[in-house]
């Protein structure tokens, strides 16, 4: 899958915690029901945060690039 830039609404918690709440994809707002897994990696010098999230239709991987401060939809399963 090609990586698609998306808009994501998040809640910033204590410390450095980030919780995605919803994201826009294909002109539709996807409300996140559950975050199933969170991990980090590096792309060059940029730290990226990955969130495996679930809505009513499928499982998605959202990736946040901390240097560019941008979100992308990296993977879709079961849509």
PDB file of N, CA and C in Angstrom:
ATOM      1  N   UNK A   1       0.836  -1.179   0.000  1.00  0.00           N
ATOM      2  CA  UNK A   1       0.000   0.000   0.000  1.00  0.00           C
ATOM      3  C   UNK A   1       0.880   1.242   0.000  1.00  0.00           C
ATOM      4  N   UNK A   2       0.483   2.233  -0.784  1.00  0.00           N
ATOM      5  CA  UNK A   2       1.193   3.507  -0.729  1.00  0.00           C
ATOM      6  C   UNK A   2       0.803   4.240   0.534  1.00  0.00           C
ATOM      7  N   UNK A   3       1.717   4.987   1.029  1.00  0.00           N
ATOM      8  CA  UNK A   3       1.459   5.720   2.261  1.00  0.00           C
ATOM      9  C   UNK A   3       0.680   6.985   1.921  1.00  0.00           C
ATOM     10  N   UNK A   4      -0.393   7.205   2.661  1.00  0.00           N
ATOM     11  CA  UNK A   4      -1.277   8.333   2.401  1.00  0.00           C
ATOM     12  C   UNK A   4      -1.240   9.327   3.555  1.00  0.00           C
ATOM     13  N   UNK A   5      -0.949  10.614   3.265  1.00  0.00           N
ATOM     14  CA  UNK A   5      -1.028  11.615   4.320  1.00  0.00           C
ATOM     15  C   UNK A   5      -2.486  11.742   4.782  1.00  0.00           C
ATOM     16  N   UNK A   6      -2.692  11.845   6.073  1.00  0.00           N
ATOM     17  CA  UNK A   6      -4.040  11.946   6.619  1.00  0.00           C
ATOM     18  C   UNK A   6      -4.074  12.979   7.737  1.00  0.00           C
ATOM     19  N   UNK A   7      -5.280  13.349   8.106  1.00  0.00           N
ATOM     20  CA  UNK A   7      -5.510  14.243   9.239  1.00  0.00           C
ATOM     21  C   UNK A   7      -5.950  13.377  10.412  1.00  0.00           C
ATOM     22  N   UNK A   8      -5.353  13.608  11.591  1.00  0.00           N
ATOM     23  CA  UNK A   8      -5.641  12.806  12.777  1.00  0.00           C
ATOM     24  C   UNK A   8      -5.916  13.730  13.959  1.00  0.00           C
ATOM     25  N   UNK A   9      -6.956  13.417  14.721  1.00  0.00           N
ATOM     26  CA  UNK A   9      -7.221  14.127  15.973  1.00  0.00           C
ATOM     27  C   UNK A   9      -6.650  13.291  17.101  1.00  0.00           C
ATOM     28  N   UNK A  10      -5.913  13.937  17.992  1.00  0.00           N
ATOM     29  CA  UNK A  10      -5.264  13.214  19.086  1.00  0.00           C
ATOM     30  C   UNK A  10      -5.513  13.905  20.417  1.00  0.00           C
ATOM     31  N   UNK A  11      -5.333  13.129  21.485  1.00  0.00           N
ATOM     32  CA  UNK A  11      -5.332  13.664  22.838  1.00  0.00           C
ATOM     33  C   UNK A  11      -3.909  13.508  23.361  1.00  0.00           C
ATOM     34  N   UNK A  12      -3.336  14.618  23.822  1.00  0.00           N
ATOM     35  CA  UNK A  12      -2.016  14.568  24.428  1.00  0.00           C
ATOM     36  C   UNK A  12      -2.204  14.385  25.931  1.00  0.00           C
ATOM     37  N   UNK A  13      -1.642  13.305  26.454  1.00  0.00           N
ATOM     38  CA  UNK A  13      -1.773  13.005  27.871  1.00  0.00           C
ATOM     39  C   UNK A  13      -0.563  13.467  28.638  1.00  0.00           C
ATOM     40  N   UNK A  14      -0.473  13.044  29.892  1.00  0.00           N
ATOM     41  CA  UNK A  14       0.688  13.398  30.708  1.00  0.00           C
ATOM     42  C   UNK A  14       1.975  12.872  30.069  1.00  0.00           C
ATOM     43  N   UNK A  15       3.040  13.598  30.268  1.00  0.00           N
ATOM     44  CA  UNK A  15       4.320  13.177  29.684  1.00  0.00           C
ATOM     45  C   UNK A  15       4.266  13.339  28.174  1.00  0.00           C
ATOM     46  N   UNK A  16       4.690  12.323  27.479  1.00  0.00           N
ATOM     47  CA  UNK A  16       4.720  12.382  26.018  1.00  0.00           C
ATOM     48  C   UNK A  16       3.678  11.478  25.375  1.00  0.00           C
ATOM     49  N   UNK A  17       2.660  11.074  26.113  1.00  0.00           N
ATOM     50  CA  UNK A  17       1.687  10.135  25.546  1.00  0.00           C
ATOM     51  C   UNK A  17       0.767  10.820  24.537  1.00  0.00           C
ATOM     52  N   UNK A  18       0.466  10.094  23.465  1.00  0.00           N
ATOM     53  CA  UNK A  18      -0.418  10.558  22.404  1.00  0.00           C
ATOM     54  C   UNK A  18      -1.458   9.473  22.174  1.00  0.00           C
ATOM     55  N   UNK A  19      -2.733   9.870  22.109  1.00  0.00           N
ATOM     56  CA  UNK A  19      -3.804   8.911  21.859  1.00  0.00           C
ATOM     57  C   UNK A  19      -4.624   9.387  20.664  1.00  0.00           C
ATOM     58  N   UNK A  20      -4.523   8.690  19.508  1.00  0.00           N
ATOM     59  CA  UNK A  20      -5.365   9.058  18.369  1.00  0.00           C
ATOM     60  C   UNK A  20      -6.840   8.792  18.698  1.00  0.00           C
ATOM     61  N   UNK A  21      -7.712   9.723  18.274  1.00  0.00           N
ATOM     62  CA  UNK A  21      -9.143   9.618  18.552  1.00  0.00           C
ATOM     63  C   UNK A  21      -9.931   9.338  17.272  1.00  0.00           C
ATOM     64  N   UNK A  22      -9.589  10.018  16.200  1.00  0.00           N
ATOM     65  CA  UNK A  22     -10.197   9.767  14.891  1.00  0.00           C
ATOM     66  C   UNK A  22      -9.232  10.209  13.799  1.00  0.00           C
ATOM     67  N   UNK A  23      -9.497   9.727  12.560  1.00  0.00           N
ATOM     68  CA  UNK A  23      -8.712  10.153  11.405  1.00  0.00           C
ATOM     69  C   UNK A  23      -9.619  10.237  10.184  1.00  0.00           C
ATOM     70  N   UNK A  24      -9.229  11.101   9.233  1.00  0.00           N
ATOM     71  CA  UNK A  24      -9.954  11.239   7.966  1.00  0.00           C
ATOM     72  C   UNK A  24      -9.265  10.397   6.907  1.00  0.00           C
ATOM     73  N   UNK A  25     -10.054   9.616   6.187  1.00  0.00           N
ATOM     74  CA  UNK A  25      -9.537   8.841   5.053  1.00  0.00           C
ATOM     75  C   UNK A  25     -10.684   8.604   4.086  1.00  0.00           C
ATOM     76  N   UNK A  26     -10.449   8.837   2.823  1.00  0.00           N
ATOM     77  CA  UNK A  26     -11.446   8.687   1.765  1.00  0.00           C
ATOM     78  C   UNK A  26     -12.700   9.504   2.068  1.00  0.00           C
ATOM     79  N   UNK A  27     -12.495  10.749   2.470  1.00  0.00           N
ATOM     80  CA  UNK A  27     -13.592  11.674   2.777  1.00  0.00           C
ATOM     81  C   UNK A  27     -14.528  11.145   3.851  1.00  0.00           C
ATOM     82  N   UNK A  28     -13.981  10.382   4.773  1.00  0.00           N
ATOM     83  CA  UNK A  28     -14.787   9.820   5.849  1.00  0.00           C
ATOM     84  C   UNK A  28     -14.020   9.918   7.163  1.00  0.00           C
ATOM     85  N   UNK A  29     -14.735  10.263   8.216  1.00  0.00           N
ATOM     86  CA  UNK A  29     -14.147  10.323   9.551  1.00  0.00           C
ATOM     87  C   UNK A  29     -14.244   8.931  10.174  1.00  0.00           C
ATOM     88  N   UNK A  30     -13.080   8.370  10.553  1.00  0.00           N
ATOM     89  CA  UNK A  30     -13.006   7.049  11.175  1.00  0.00           C
ATOM     90  C   UNK A  30     -12.779   7.235  12.672  1.00  0.00           C
ATOM     91  N   UNK A  31     -13.774   6.914  13.479  1.00  0.00           N
ATOM     92  CA  UNK A  31     -13.643   7.012  14.933  1.00  0.00           C
ATOM     93  C   UNK A  31     -12.905   5.786  15.456  1.00  0.00           C
ATOM     94  N   UNK A  32     -11.853   6.018  16.203  1.00  0.00           N
ATOM     95  CA  UNK A  32     -11.022   4.926  16.715  1.00  0.00           C
ATOM     96  C   UNK A  32     -11.678   4.337  17.958  1.00  0.00           C
ATOM     97  N   UNK A  33     -11.974   3.049  17.891  1.00  0.00           N
ATOM     98  CA  UNK A  33     -12.591   2.340  19.004  1.00  0.00           C
ATOM     99  C   UNK A  33     -11.551   1.802  19.973  1.00  0.00           C
ATOM    100  N   UNK A  34     -10.369   1.458  19.429  1.00  0.00           N
ATOM    101  CA  UNK A  34      -9.340   0.828  20.255  1.00  0.00           C
ATOM    102  C   UNK A  34      -7.967   1.018  19.620  1.00  0.00           C
ATOM    103  N   UNK A  35      -6.968   1.263  20.446  1.00  0.00           N
ATOM    104  CA  UNK A  35      -5.575   1.214  20.006  1.00  0.00           C
ATOM    105  C   UNK A  35      -5.037  -0.123  20.471  1.00  0.00           C
ATOM    106  N   UNK A  36      -4.671  -0.980  19.507  1.00  0.00           N
ATOM    107  CA  UNK A  36      -4.274  -2.346  19.851  1.00  0.00           C
ATOM    108  C   UNK A  36      -2.781  -2.504  20.110  1.00  0.00           C
ATOM    109  N   UNK A  37      -1.959  -1.607  19.540  1.00  0.00           N
ATOM    110  CA  UNK A  37      -0.514  -1.741  19.712  1.00  0.00           C
ATOM    111  C   UNK A  37       0.155  -0.419  19.349  1.00  0.00           C
ATOM    112  N   UNK A  38       1.236  -0.080  20.052  1.00  0.00           N
ATOM    113  CA  UNK A  38       2.012   1.136  19.787  1.00  0.00           C
ATOM    114  C   UNK A  38       3.489   0.761  19.764  1.00  0.00           C
ATOM    115  N   UNK A  39       4.231   1.259  18.782  1.00  0.00           N
ATOM    116  CA  UNK A  39       5.677   1.028  18.732  1.00  0.00           C
ATOM    117  C   UNK A  39       6.354   2.209  18.043  1.00  0.00           C
ATOM    118  N   UNK A  40       7.663   2.282  18.167  1.00  0.00           N
ATOM    119  CA  UNK A  40       8.441   3.359  17.554  1.00  0.00           C
ATOM    120  C   UNK A  40       9.531   2.775  16.670  1.00  0.00           C
ATOM    121  N   UNK A  41       9.977   3.586  15.720  1.00  0.00           N
ATOM    122  CA  UNK A  41      11.152   3.235  14.928  1.00  0.00           C
ATOM    123  C   UNK A  41      11.810   4.532  14.467  1.00  0.00           C
ATOM    124  N   UNK A  42      12.903   4.391  13.740  1.00  0.00           N
ATOM    125  CA  UNK A  42      13.604   5.539  13.166  1.00  0.00           C
ATOM    126  C   UNK A  42      13.589   5.431  11.658  1.00  0.00           C
ATOM    127  N   UNK A  43      13.356   6.560  10.991  1.00  0.00           N
ATOM    128  CA  UNK A  43      13.499   6.650   9.537  1.00  0.00           C
ATOM    129  C   UNK A  43      14.507   7.766   9.315  1.00  0.00           C
ATOM    130  N   UNK A  44      15.754   7.374   9.072  1.00  0.00           N
ATOM    131  CA  UNK A  44      16.833   8.354   9.066  1.00  0.00           C
ATOM    132  C   UNK A  44      17.014   8.851  10.489  1.00  0.00           C
ATOM    133  N   UNK A  45      16.939  10.166  10.673  1.00  0.00           N
ATOM    134  CA  UNK A  45      17.058  10.731  12.023  1.00  0.00           C
ATOM    135  C   UNK A  45      15.692  11.005  12.654  1.00  0.00           C
ATOM    136  N   UNK A  46      14.633  10.685  11.925  1.00  0.00           N
ATOM    137  CA  UNK A  46      13.284  10.986  12.418  1.00  0.00           C
ATOM    138  C   UNK A  46      12.717   9.813  13.217  1.00  0.00           C
ATOM    139  N   UNK A  47      12.283  10.117  14.421  1.00  0.00           N
ATOM    140  CA  UNK A  47      11.579   9.121  15.225  1.00  0.00           C
ATOM    141  C   UNK A  47      10.131   9.072  14.739  1.00  0.00           C
ATOM    142  N   UNK A  48       9.625   7.847  14.535  1.00  0.00           N
ATOM    143  CA  UNK A  48       8.239   7.683  14.110  1.00  0.00           C
ATOM    144  C   UNK A  48       7.478   6.869  15.151  1.00  0.00           C
ATOM    145  N   UNK A  49       6.262   7.286  15.421  1.00  0.00           N
ATOM    146  CA  UNK A  49       5.377   6.575  16.332  1.00  0.00           C
ATOM    147  C   UNK A  49       4.319   5.862  15.498  1.00  0.00           C
ATOM    148  N   UNK A  50       4.160   4.565  15.739  1.00  0.00           N
ATOM    149  CA  UNK A  50       3.186   3.760  15.002  1.00  0.00           C
ATOM    150  C   UNK A  50       2.057   3.364  15.940  1.00  0.00           C
ATOM    151  N   UNK A  51       0.837   3.480  15.444  1.00  0.00           N
ATOM    152  CA  UNK A  51      -0.347   3.125  16.221  1.00  0.00           C
ATOM    153  C   UNK A  51      -1.179   2.155  15.398  1.00  0.00           C
ATOM    154  N   UNK A  52      -1.403   0.973  15.919  1.00  0.00           N
ATOM    155  CA  UNK A  52      -2.329   0.035  15.313  1.00  0.00           C
ATOM    156  C   UNK A  52      -3.683   0.310  15.960  1.00  0.00           C
ATOM    157  N   UNK A  53      -4.653   0.754  15.140  1.00  0.00           N
ATOM    158  CA  UNK A  53      -5.946   1.169  15.676  1.00  0.00           C
ATOM    159  C   UNK A  53      -7.076   0.450  14.949  1.00  0.00           C
ATOM    160  N   UNK A  54      -8.221   0.389  15.634  1.00  0.00           N
ATOM    161  CA  UNK A  54      -9.383  -0.311  15.086  1.00  0.00           C
ATOM    162  C   UNK A  54     -10.587   0.618  15.107  1.00  0.00           C
ATOM    163  N   UNK A  55     -11.341   0.611  13.990  1.00  0.00           N
ATOM    164  CA  UNK A  55     -12.642   1.254  13.973  1.00  0.00           C
ATOM    165  C   UNK A  55     -13.680   0.167  13.696  1.00  0.00           C
ATOM    166  N   UNK A  56     -14.918   0.544  13.360  1.00  0.00           N
ATOM    167  CA  UNK A  56     -15.933  -0.481  13.145  1.00  0.00           C
ATOM    168  C   UNK A  56     -15.703  -1.297  11.875  1.00  0.00           C
ATOM    169  N   UNK A  57     -14.827  -0.829  10.975  1.00  0.00           N
ATOM    170  CA  UNK A  57     -14.649  -1.515   9.703  1.00  0.00           C
ATOM    171  C   UNK A  57     -13.333  -2.216   9.481  1.00  0.00           C
ATOM    172  N   UNK A  58     -12.343  -1.983  10.309  1.00  0.00           N
ATOM    173  CA  UNK A  58     -11.060  -2.611  10.045  1.00  0.00           C
ATOM    174  C   UNK A  58      -9.975  -2.203  11.021  1.00  0.00           C
ATOM    175  N   UNK A  59      -8.772  -2.658  10.687  1.00  0.00           N
ATOM    176  CA  UNK A  59      -7.579  -2.382  11.485  1.00  0.00           C
ATOM    177  C   UNK A  59      -6.638  -1.549  10.625  1.00  0.00           C
ATOM    178  N   UNK A  60      -6.072  -0.494  11.204  1.00  0.00           N
ATOM    179  CA  UNK A  60      -5.245   0.454  10.464  1.00  0.00           C
ATOM    180  C   UNK A  60      -3.953   0.723  11.218  1.00  0.00           C
ATOM    181  N   UNK A  61      -2.912   1.050  10.460  1.00  0.00           N
ATOM    182  CA  UNK A  61      -1.670   1.512  11.076  1.00  0.00           C
ATOM    183  C   UNK A  61      -1.497   2.982  10.737  1.00  0.00           C
ATOM    184  N   UNK A  62      -1.484   3.815  11.772  1.00  0.00           N
ATOM    185  CA  UNK A  62      -1.242   5.241  11.626  1.00  0.00           C
ATOM    186  C   UNK A  62       0.182   5.522  12.075  1.00  0.00           C
ATOM    187  N   UNK A  63       0.908   6.331  11.311  1.00  0.00           N
ATOM    188  CA  UNK A  63       2.297   6.635  11.637  1.00  0.00           C
ATOM    189  C   UNK A  63       2.477   8.137  11.768  1.00  0.00           C
ATOM    190  N   UNK A  64       3.090   8.538  12.883  1.00  0.00           N
ATOM    191  CA  UNK A  64       3.375   9.951  13.135  1.00  0.00           C
ATOM    192  C   UNK A  64       4.878  10.181  13.063  1.00  0.00           C
ATOM    193  N   UNK A  65       5.304  11.075  12.172  1.00  0.00           N
ATOM    194  CA  UNK A  65       6.704  11.448  12.035  1.00  0.00           C
ATOM    195  C   UNK A  65       6.949  12.653  12.936  1.00  0.00           C
ATOM    196  N   UNK A  66       7.772  12.489  13.977  1.00  0.00           N
ATOM    197  CA  UNK A  66       7.963  13.542  14.975  1.00  0.00           C
ATOM    198  C   UNK A  66       8.782  14.721  14.449  1.00  0.00           C
ATOM    199  N   UNK A  67       9.579  14.521  13.412  1.00  0.00           N
ATOM    200  CA  UNK A  67      10.364  15.619  12.841  1.00  0.00           C
ATOM    201  C   UNK A  67       9.492  16.456  11.911  1.00  0.00           C
ATOM    202  N   UNK A  68       8.787  15.794  10.991  1.00  0.00           N
ATOM    203  CA  UNK A  68       7.925  16.501  10.042  1.00  0.00           C
ATOM    204  C   UNK A  68       6.588  16.896  10.662  1.00  0.00           C
ATOM    205  N   UNK A  69       6.267  16.312  11.809  1.00  0.00           N
ATOM    206  CA  UNK A  69       4.990  16.498  12.486  1.00  0.00           C
ATOM    207  C   UNK A  69       3.833  16.215  11.532  1.00  0.00           C
ATOM    208  N   UNK A  70       3.921  15.041  10.891  1.00  0.00           N
ATOM    209  CA  UNK A  70       2.900  14.655   9.924  1.00  0.00           C
ATOM    210  C   UNK A  70       2.435  13.228  10.193  1.00  0.00           C
ATOM    211  N   UNK A  71       1.204  12.954   9.796  1.00  0.00           N
ATOM    212  CA  UNK A  71       0.591  11.632   9.944  1.00  0.00           C
ATOM    213  C   UNK A  71       0.407  10.991   8.583  1.00  0.00           C
ATOM    214  N   UNK A  72       0.510   9.668   8.548  1.00  0.00           N
ATOM    215  CA  UNK A  72       0.181   8.936   7.327  1.00  0.00           C
ATOM    216  C   UNK A  72      -0.516   7.630   7.689  1.00  0.00           C
ATOM    217  N   UNK A  73      -1.343   7.180   6.772  1.00  0.00           N
ATOM    218  CA  UNK A  73      -1.983   5.878   6.890  1.00  0.00           C
ATOM    219  C   UNK A  73      -1.044   4.887   6.226  1.00  0.00           C
ATOM    220  N   UNK A  74      -0.423   4.016   7.012  1.00  0.00           N
ATOM    221  CA  UNK A  74       0.630   3.142   6.515  1.00  0.00           C
ATOM    222  C   UNK A  74       0.122   1.764   6.100  1.00  0.00           C
ATOM    223  N   UNK A  75      -0.963   1.315   6.713  1.00  0.00           N
ATOM    224  CA  UNK A  75      -1.439  -0.040   6.422  1.00  0.00           C
ATOM    225  C   UNK A  75      -2.925  -0.150   6.763  1.00  0.00           C
ATOM    226  N   UNK A  76      -3.614  -0.994   5.983  1.00  0.00           N
ATOM    227  CA  UNK A  76      -5.035  -1.267   6.221  1.00  0.00           C
ATOM    228  C   UNK A  76      -5.233  -2.771   6.185  1.00  0.00           C
ATOM    229  N   UNK A  77      -5.980  -3.286   7.160  1.00  0.00           N
ATOM    230  CA  UNK A  77      -6.318  -4.716   7.180  1.00  0.00           C
ATOM    231  C   UNK A  77      -7.807  -4.852   7.437  1.00  0.00           C
ATOM    232  N   UNK A  78      -8.443  -5.726   6.684  1.00  0.00           N
ATOM    233  CA  UNK A  78      -9.836  -6.050   6.933  1.00  0.00           C
ATOM    234  C   UNK A  78     -10.819  -4.973   6.561  1.00  0.00           C
ATOM    235  N   UNK A  79     -10.441  -4.096   5.611  1.00  0.00           N
ATOM    236  CA  UNK A  79     -11.371  -3.038   5.215  1.00  0.00           C
ATOM    237  C   UNK A  79     -12.139  -3.464   4.007  1.00  0.00           C
TER     238      UNK A  79
END
